[in-house]
Amino acid sequence: WSITLPLISPVIFFNLILSVIGLMRYFEV
């Protein structure tokens, strides 16, 4: 909680942005 999550938060943020964009263009399935 105090080391891993803060230090990978940029990666989480990157995945979050991609996920939101992917959900807004959700079509194929």
PDB file of all heavy atoms in Angstrom:
ATOM      1  N   TRP A   1       0.811  -1.215   0.000  1.00  0.00           N
ATOM      2  CA  TRP A   1       0.000   0.000   0.000  1.00  0.00           C
ATOM      3  C   TRP A   1       0.852   1.276   0.000  1.00  0.00           C
ATOM      4  O   TRP A   1       0.508   2.267  -0.659  1.00  0.00           O
ATOM      5  CB  TRP A   1      -0.916  -0.004   1.221  1.00  0.00           C
ATOM      6  CG  TRP A   1      -1.863   1.160   1.270  1.00  0.00           C
ATOM      7  CD1 TRP A   1      -1.714   2.321   1.974  1.00  0.00           C
ATOM      8  CD2 TRP A   1      -3.086   1.289   0.555  1.00  0.00           C
ATOM      9  NE1 TRP A   1      -2.779   3.159   1.764  1.00  0.00           N
ATOM     10  CE2 TRP A   1      -3.653   2.541   0.884  1.00  0.00           C
ATOM     11  CE3 TRP A   1      -3.781   0.459  -0.323  1.00  0.00           C
ATOM     12  CZ2 TRP A   1      -4.854   2.985   0.365  1.00  0.00           C
ATOM     13  CZ3 TRP A   1      -4.984   0.894  -0.845  1.00  0.00           C
ATOM     14  CH2 TRP A   1      -5.508   2.145  -0.501  1.00  0.00           C
ATOM     15  N   SER A   2       1.964   1.254   0.723  1.00  0.00           N
ATOM     16  CA  SER A   2       2.757   2.474   0.902  1.00  0.00           C
ATOM     17  C   SER A   2       3.933   2.590  -0.050  1.00  0.00           C
ATOM     18  O   SER A   2       4.481   3.686  -0.208  1.00  0.00           O
ATOM     19  CB  SER A   2       3.286   2.534   2.344  1.00  0.00           C
ATOM     20  OG  SER A   2       2.215   2.565   3.274  1.00  0.00           O
ATOM     21  N   ILE A   3       4.333   1.479  -0.685  1.00  0.00           N
ATOM     22  CA  ILE A   3       5.486   1.529  -1.584  1.00  0.00           C
ATOM     23  C   ILE A   3       5.091   1.175  -3.013  1.00  0.00           C
ATOM     24  O   ILE A   3       5.301   1.964  -3.943  1.00  0.00           O
ATOM     25  CB  ILE A   3       6.609   0.583  -1.088  1.00  0.00           C
ATOM     26  CG1 ILE A   3       7.089   1.011   0.294  1.00  0.00           C
ATOM     27  CG2 ILE A   3       7.764   0.565  -2.079  1.00  0.00           C
ATOM     28  CD1 ILE A   3       8.110   0.077   0.906  1.00  0.00           C
ATOM     29  N   THR A   4       4.503  -0.007  -3.179  1.00  0.00           N
ATOM     30  CA  THR A   4       4.219  -0.487  -4.533  1.00  0.00           C
ATOM     31  C   THR A   4       3.212   0.402  -5.250  1.00  0.00           C
ATOM     32  O   THR A   4       3.471   0.875  -6.367  1.00  0.00           O
ATOM     33  CB  THR A   4       3.704  -1.933  -4.493  1.00  0.00           C
ATOM     34  OG1 THR A   4       4.647  -2.751  -3.798  1.00  0.00           O
ATOM     35  CG2 THR A   4       3.507  -2.465  -5.908  1.00  0.00           C
ATOM     36  N   LEU A   5       2.060   0.627  -4.622  1.00  0.00           N
ATOM     37  CA  LEU A   5       1.016   1.403  -5.298  1.00  0.00           C
ATOM     38  C   LEU A   5       1.462   2.827  -5.642  1.00  0.00           C
ATOM     39  O   LEU A   5       1.238   3.275  -6.777  1.00  0.00           O
ATOM     40  CB  LEU A   5      -0.253   1.425  -4.444  1.00  0.00           C
ATOM     41  CG  LEU A   5      -1.122   0.162  -4.491  1.00  0.00           C
ATOM     42  CD1 LEU A   5      -2.376   0.342  -3.642  1.00  0.00           C
ATOM     43  CD2 LEU A   5      -1.502  -0.188  -5.922  1.00  0.00           C
ATOM     44  N   PRO A   6       2.079   3.570  -4.718  1.00  0.00           N
ATOM     45  CA  PRO A   6       2.516   4.921  -5.118  1.00  0.00           C
ATOM     46  C   PRO A   6       3.529   4.914  -6.253  1.00  0.00           C
ATOM     47  O   PRO A   6       3.466   5.765  -7.146  1.00  0.00           O
ATOM     48  CB  PRO A   6       3.125   5.484  -3.827  1.00  0.00           C
ATOM     49  CG  PRO A   6       2.485   4.713  -2.735  1.00  0.00           C
ATOM     50  CD  PRO A   6       2.277   3.329  -3.277  1.00  0.00           C
ATOM     51  N   LEU A   7       4.461   3.952  -6.240  1.00  0.00           N
ATOM     52  CA  LEU A   7       5.519   3.972  -7.245  1.00  0.00           C
ATOM     53  C   LEU A   7       5.058   3.459  -8.608  1.00  0.00           C
ATOM     54  O   LEU A   7       5.688   3.750  -9.621  1.00  0.00           O
ATOM     55  CB  LEU A   7       6.721   3.154  -6.750  1.00  0.00           C
ATOM     56  CG  LEU A   7       7.481   3.798  -5.587  1.00  0.00           C
ATOM     57  CD1 LEU A   7       8.637   2.916  -5.147  1.00  0.00           C
ATOM     58  CD2 LEU A   7       7.998   5.179  -5.966  1.00  0.00           C
ATOM     59  N   ILE A   8       3.969   2.692  -8.637  1.00  0.00           N
ATOM     60  CA  ILE A   8       3.429   2.262  -9.937  1.00  0.00           C
ATOM     61  C   ILE A   8       2.204   3.086 -10.319  1.00  0.00           C
ATOM     62  O   ILE A   8       1.527   2.757 -11.302  1.00  0.00           O
ATOM     63  CB  ILE A   8       3.079   0.758  -9.952  1.00  0.00           C
ATOM     64  CG1 ILE A   8       1.886   0.462  -9.029  1.00  0.00           C
ATOM     65  CG2 ILE A   8       4.265  -0.108  -9.602  1.00  0.00           C
ATOM     66  CD1 ILE A   8       1.300  -0.927  -9.214  1.00  0.00           C
ATOM     67  N   SER A   9       1.914   4.146  -9.571  1.00  0.00           N
ATOM     68  CA  SER A   9       0.739   4.963  -9.884  1.00  0.00           C
ATOM     69  C   SER A   9       0.794   5.560 -11.288  1.00  0.00           C
ATOM     70  O   SER A   9      -0.257   5.683 -11.932  1.00  0.00           O
ATOM     71  CB  SER A   9       0.551   6.062  -8.831  1.00  0.00           C
ATOM     72  OG  SER A   9       1.709   6.867  -8.731  1.00  0.00           O
ATOM     73  N   PRO A  10       1.980   5.936 -11.837  1.00  0.00           N
ATOM     74  CA  PRO A  10       1.979   6.393 -13.242  1.00  0.00           C
ATOM     75  C   PRO A  10       1.523   5.307 -14.207  1.00  0.00           C
ATOM     76  O   PRO A  10       0.851   5.600 -15.202  1.00  0.00           O
ATOM     77  CB  PRO A  10       3.440   6.779 -13.485  1.00  0.00           C
ATOM     78  CG  PRO A  10       3.976   7.102 -12.139  1.00  0.00           C
ATOM     79  CD  PRO A  10       3.293   6.154 -11.206  1.00  0.00           C
ATOM     80  N   VAL A  11       1.894   4.059 -13.922  1.00  0.00           N
ATOM     81  CA  VAL A  11       1.455   2.950 -14.769  1.00  0.00           C
ATOM     82  C   VAL A  11      -0.048   2.752 -14.633  1.00  0.00           C
ATOM     83  O   VAL A  11      -0.749   2.522 -15.625  1.00  0.00           O
ATOM     84  CB  VAL A  11       2.214   1.658 -14.395  1.00  0.00           C
ATOM     85  CG1 VAL A  11       1.678   0.470 -15.179  1.00  0.00           C
ATOM     86  CG2 VAL A  11       3.702   1.836 -14.640  1.00  0.00           C
ATOM     87  N   ILE A  12      -0.555   2.829 -13.409  1.00  0.00           N
ATOM     88  CA  ILE A  12      -1.996   2.701 -13.183  1.00  0.00           C
ATOM     89  C   ILE A  12      -2.739   3.818 -13.907  1.00  0.00           C
ATOM     90  O   ILE A  12      -3.786   3.588 -14.524  1.00  0.00           O
ATOM     91  CB  ILE A  12      -2.309   2.723 -11.668  1.00  0.00           C
ATOM     92  CG1 ILE A  12      -1.652   1.525 -10.976  1.00  0.00           C
ATOM     93  CG2 ILE A  12      -3.812   2.726 -11.429  1.00  0.00           C
ATOM     94  CD1 ILE A  12      -1.789   1.552  -9.465  1.00  0.00           C
ATOM     95  N   PHE A  13      -2.205   5.012 -13.845  1.00  0.00           N
ATOM     96  CA  PHE A  13      -2.819   6.150 -14.523  1.00  0.00           C
ATOM     97  C   PHE A  13      -2.842   5.936 -16.036  1.00  0.00           C
ATOM     98  O   PHE A  13      -3.839   6.221 -16.699  1.00  0.00           O
ATOM     99  CB  PHE A  13      -2.053   7.423 -14.168  1.00  0.00           C
ATOM    100  CG  PHE A  13      -2.577   8.661 -14.821  1.00  0.00           C
ATOM    101  CD1 PHE A  13      -3.833   9.143 -14.517  1.00  0.00           C
ATOM    102  CD2 PHE A  13      -1.801   9.358 -15.747  1.00  0.00           C
ATOM    103  CE1 PHE A  13      -4.317  10.297 -15.121  1.00  0.00           C
ATOM    104  CE2 PHE A  13      -2.279  10.496 -16.353  1.00  0.00           C
ATOM    105  CZ  PHE A  13      -3.539  10.969 -16.042  1.00  0.00           C
ATOM    106  N   PHE A  14      -1.748   5.434 -16.571  1.00  0.00           N
ATOM    107  CA  PHE A  14      -1.671   5.139 -18.003  1.00  0.00           C
ATOM    108  C   PHE A  14      -2.728   4.106 -18.402  1.00  0.00           C
ATOM    109  O   PHE A  14      -3.459   4.286 -19.386  1.00  0.00           O
ATOM    110  CB  PHE A  14      -0.269   4.638 -18.344  1.00  0.00           C
ATOM    111  CG  PHE A  14      -0.102   4.187 -19.766  1.00  0.00           C
ATOM    112  CD1 PHE A  14       0.012   5.108 -20.794  1.00  0.00           C
ATOM    113  CD2 PHE A  14      -0.064   2.835 -20.079  1.00  0.00           C
ATOM    114  CE1 PHE A  14       0.164   4.691 -22.112  1.00  0.00           C
ATOM    115  CE2 PHE A  14       0.086   2.413 -21.387  1.00  0.00           C
ATOM    116  CZ  PHE A  14       0.203   3.339 -22.402  1.00  0.00           C
ATOM    117  N   ASN A  15      -2.836   3.024 -17.639  1.00  0.00           N
ATOM    118  CA  ASN A  15      -3.844   2.003 -17.928  1.00  0.00           C
ATOM    119  C   ASN A  15      -5.259   2.551 -17.774  1.00  0.00           C
ATOM    120  O   ASN A  15      -6.172   2.171 -18.526  1.00  0.00           O
ATOM    121  CB  ASN A  15      -3.662   0.794 -17.005  1.00  0.00           C
ATOM    122  CG  ASN A  15      -2.466  -0.050 -17.388  1.00  0.00           C
ATOM    123  OD1 ASN A  15      -2.058  -0.086 -18.547  1.00  0.00           O
ATOM    124  ND2 ASN A  15      -1.894  -0.749 -16.418  1.00  0.00           N
ATOM    125  N   LEU A  16      -5.443   3.447 -16.812  1.00  0.00           N
ATOM    126  CA  LEU A  16      -6.767   4.039 -16.596  1.00  0.00           C
ATOM    127  C   LEU A  16      -7.187   4.884 -17.791  1.00  0.00           C
ATOM    128  O   LEU A  16      -8.338   4.802 -18.248  1.00  0.00           O
ATOM    129  CB  LEU A  16      -6.753   4.875 -15.317  1.00  0.00           C
ATOM    130  CG  LEU A  16      -8.055   5.587 -14.951  1.00  0.00           C
ATOM    131  CD1 LEU A  16      -9.177   4.580 -14.727  1.00  0.00           C
ATOM    132  CD2 LEU A  16      -7.862   6.449 -13.702  1.00  0.00           C
ATOM    133  N   ILE A  17      -6.276   5.686 -18.299  1.00  0.00           N
ATOM    134  CA  ILE A  17      -6.584   6.519 -19.472  1.00  0.00           C
ATOM    135  C   ILE A  17      -6.952   5.636 -20.658  1.00  0.00           C
ATOM    136  O   ILE A  17      -7.960   5.868 -21.355  1.00  0.00           O
ATOM    137  CB  ILE A  17      -5.394   7.425 -19.822  1.00  0.00           C
ATOM    138  CG1 ILE A  17      -5.160   8.472 -18.732  1.00  0.00           C
ATOM    139  CG2 ILE A  17      -5.619   8.110 -21.173  1.00  0.00           C
ATOM    140  CD1 ILE A  17      -6.252   9.490 -18.613  1.00  0.00           C
ATOM    141  N   LEU A  18      -6.149   4.604 -20.908  1.00  0.00           N
ATOM    142  CA  LEU A  18      -6.436   3.709 -22.027  1.00  0.00           C
ATOM    143  C   LEU A  18      -7.757   2.990 -21.834  1.00  0.00           C
ATOM    144  O   LEU A  18      -8.508   2.776 -22.798  1.00  0.00           O
ATOM    145  CB  LEU A  18      -5.297   2.688 -22.182  1.00  0.00           C
ATOM    146  CG  LEU A  18      -3.941   3.219 -22.647  1.00  0.00           C
ATOM    147  CD1 LEU A  18      -2.978   2.067 -22.858  1.00  0.00           C
ATOM    148  CD2 LEU A  18      -4.075   4.036 -23.932  1.00  0.00           C
ATOM    149  N   SER A  19      -8.070   2.605 -20.598  1.00  0.00           N
ATOM    150  CA  SER A  19      -9.322   1.892 -20.332  1.00  0.00           C
ATOM    151  C   SER A  19     -10.532   2.782 -20.567  1.00  0.00           C
ATOM    152  O   SER A  19     -11.529   2.346 -21.146  1.00  0.00           O
ATOM    153  CB  SER A  19      -9.321   1.364 -18.886  1.00  0.00           C
ATOM    154  OG  SER A  19      -8.281   0.440 -18.677  1.00  0.00           O
ATOM    155  N   VAL A  20     -10.463   4.029 -20.112  1.00  0.00           N
ATOM    156  CA  VAL A  20     -11.582   4.962 -20.305  1.00  0.00           C
ATOM    157  C   VAL A  20     -11.810   5.215 -21.789  1.00  0.00           C
ATOM    158  O   VAL A  20     -12.955   5.184 -22.275  1.00  0.00           O
ATOM    159  CB  VAL A  20     -11.315   6.275 -19.549  1.00  0.00           C
ATOM    160  CG1 VAL A  20     -12.323   7.337 -19.953  1.00  0.00           C
ATOM    161  CG2 VAL A  20     -11.369   6.045 -18.047  1.00  0.00           C
ATOM    162  N   ILE A  21     -10.728   5.448 -22.524  1.00  0.00           N
ATOM    163  CA  ILE A  21     -10.866   5.670 -23.968  1.00  0.00           C
ATOM    164  C   ILE A  21     -11.407   4.415 -24.643  1.00  0.00           C
ATOM    165  O   ILE A  21     -12.278   4.490 -25.518  1.00  0.00           O
ATOM    166  CB  ILE A  21      -9.513   6.076 -24.572  1.00  0.00           C
ATOM    167  CG1 ILE A  21      -9.076   7.436 -24.015  1.00  0.00           C
ATOM    168  CG2 ILE A  21      -9.588   6.129 -26.095  1.00  0.00           C
ATOM    169  CD1 ILE A  21      -7.700   7.855 -24.447  1.00  0.00           C
ATOM    170  N   GLY A  22     -10.915   3.240 -24.231  1.00  0.00           N
ATOM    171  CA  GLY A  22     -11.398   1.994 -24.809  1.00  0.00           C
ATOM    172  C   GLY A  22     -12.870   1.755 -24.534  1.00  0.00           C
ATOM    173  O   GLY A  22     -13.606   1.261 -25.404  1.00  0.00           O
ATOM    174  N   LEU A  23     -13.336   2.097 -23.340  1.00  0.00           N
ATOM    175  CA  LEU A  23     -14.748   1.910 -23.008  1.00  0.00           C
ATOM    176  C   LEU A  23     -15.636   2.877 -23.789  1.00  0.00           C
ATOM    177  O   LEU A  23     -16.749   2.527 -24.184  1.00  0.00           O
ATOM    178  CB  LEU A  23     -14.963   2.095 -21.505  1.00  0.00           C
ATOM    179  CG  LEU A  23     -14.469   0.945 -20.630  1.00  0.00           C
ATOM    180  CD1 LEU A  23     -14.454   1.347 -19.166  1.00  0.00           C
ATOM    181  CD2 LEU A  23     -15.336  -0.296 -20.829  1.00  0.00           C
ATOM    182  N   MET A  24     -15.146   4.096 -24.015  1.00  0.00           N
ATOM    183  CA  MET A  24     -15.939   5.046 -24.770  1.00  0.00           C
ATOM    184  C   MET A  24     -16.041   4.662 -26.249  1.00  0.00           C
ATOM    185  O   MET A  24     -16.973   5.091 -26.938  1.00  0.00           O
ATOM    186  CB  MET A  24     -15.356   6.458 -24.630  1.00  0.00           C
ATOM    187  CG  MET A  24     -15.473   7.043 -23.237  1.00  0.00           C
ATOM    188  SD  MET A  24     -17.156   7.011 -22.576  1.00  0.00           S
ATOM    189  CE  MET A  24     -18.033   7.994 -23.778  1.00  0.00           C
ATOM    190  N   ARG A  25     -15.098   3.866 -26.738  1.00  0.00           N
ATOM    191  CA  ARG A  25     -15.161   3.409 -28.135  1.00  0.00           C
ATOM    192  C   ARG A  25     -15.512   1.912 -28.212  1.00  0.00           C
ATOM    193  O   ARG A  25     -15.219   1.263 -29.209  1.00  0.00           O
ATOM    194  CB  ARG A  25     -13.827   3.672 -28.834  1.00  0.00           C
ATOM    195  CG  ARG A  25     -12.622   3.059 -28.153  1.00  0.00           C
ATOM    196  CD  ARG A  25     -11.357   3.275 -28.967  1.00  0.00           C
ATOM    197  NE  ARG A  25     -11.403   2.518 -30.197  1.00  0.00           N
ATOM    198  CZ  ARG A  25     -11.046   1.243 -30.311  1.00  0.00           C
ATOM    199  NH1 ARG A  25     -10.627   0.571 -29.244  1.00  0.00           N
ATOM    200  NH2 ARG A  25     -11.103   0.642 -31.470  1.00  0.00           N
ATOM    201  N   TYR A  26     -16.145   1.408 -27.169  1.00  0.00           N
ATOM    202  CA  TYR A  26     -16.483  -0.018 -27.100  1.00  0.00           C
ATOM    203  C   TYR A  26     -17.500  -0.356 -28.188  1.00  0.00           C
ATOM    204  O   TYR A  26     -18.594   0.190 -28.231  1.00  0.00           O
ATOM    205  CB  TYR A  26     -17.066  -0.325 -25.723  1.00  0.00           C
ATOM    206  CG  TYR A  26     -17.200  -1.795 -25.404  1.00  0.00           C
ATOM    207  CD1 TYR A  26     -16.071  -2.610 -25.308  1.00  0.00           C
ATOM    208  CD2 TYR A  26     -18.443  -2.367 -25.178  1.00  0.00           C
ATOM    209  CE1 TYR A  26     -16.186  -3.947 -25.003  1.00  0.00           C
ATOM    210  CE2 TYR A  26     -18.565  -3.702 -24.866  1.00  0.00           C
ATOM    211  CZ  TYR A  26     -17.433  -4.488 -24.782  1.00  0.00           C
ATOM    212  OH  TYR A  26     -17.557  -5.832 -24.476  1.00  0.00           O
ATOM    213  N   PHE A  27     -17.119  -1.265 -29.075  1.00  0.00           N
ATOM    214  CA  PHE A  27     -17.959  -1.538 -30.234  1.00  0.00           C
ATOM    215  C   PHE A  27     -17.874  -2.980 -30.716  1.00  0.00           C
ATOM    216  O   PHE A  27     -18.891  -3.635 -30.936  1.00  0.00           O
ATOM    217  CB  PHE A  27     -17.555  -0.595 -31.381  1.00  0.00           C
ATOM    218  CG  PHE A  27     -18.207  -0.914 -32.695  1.00  0.00           C
ATOM    219  CD1 PHE A  27     -19.523  -0.562 -32.938  1.00  0.00           C
ATOM    220  CD2 PHE A  27     -17.507  -1.576 -33.701  1.00  0.00           C
ATOM    221  CE1 PHE A  27     -20.135  -0.867 -34.155  1.00  0.00           C
ATOM    222  CE2 PHE A  27     -18.098  -1.882 -34.912  1.00  0.00           C
ATOM    223  CZ  PHE A  27     -19.419  -1.517 -35.141  1.00  0.00           C
ATOM    224  N   GLU A  28     -16.670  -3.509 -30.875  1.00  0.00           N
ATOM    225  CA  GLU A  28     -16.488  -4.759 -31.601  1.00  0.00           C
ATOM    226  C   GLU A  28     -17.248  -5.920 -30.968  1.00  0.00           C
ATOM    227  O   GLU A  28     -17.955  -6.658 -31.664  1.00  0.00           O
ATOM    228  CB  GLU A  28     -14.997  -5.115 -31.703  1.00  0.00           C
ATOM    229  CG  GLU A  28     -14.189  -4.169 -32.561  1.00  0.00           C
ATOM    230  CD  GLU A  28     -13.594  -3.031 -31.762  1.00  0.00           C
ATOM    231  OE1 GLU A  28     -14.034  -2.842 -30.607  1.00  0.00           O
ATOM    232  OE2 GLU A  28     -12.709  -2.327 -32.290  1.00  0.00           O
ATOM    233  N   VAL A  29     -17.090  -6.098 -29.652  1.00  0.00           N
ATOM    234  CA  VAL A  29     -17.659  -7.283 -29.002  1.00  0.00           C
ATOM    235  C   VAL A  29     -19.182  -7.307 -29.088  1.00  0.00           C
ATOM    236  O   VAL A  29     -19.759  -8.298 -29.550  1.00  0.00           O
ATOM    237  CB  VAL A  29     -17.175  -7.374 -27.539  1.00  0.00           C
ATOM    238  CG1 VAL A  29     -17.853  -8.548 -26.831  1.00  0.00           C
ATOM    239  CG2 VAL A  29     -15.663  -7.546 -27.490  1.00  0.00           C
TER     240      VAL A  29
END
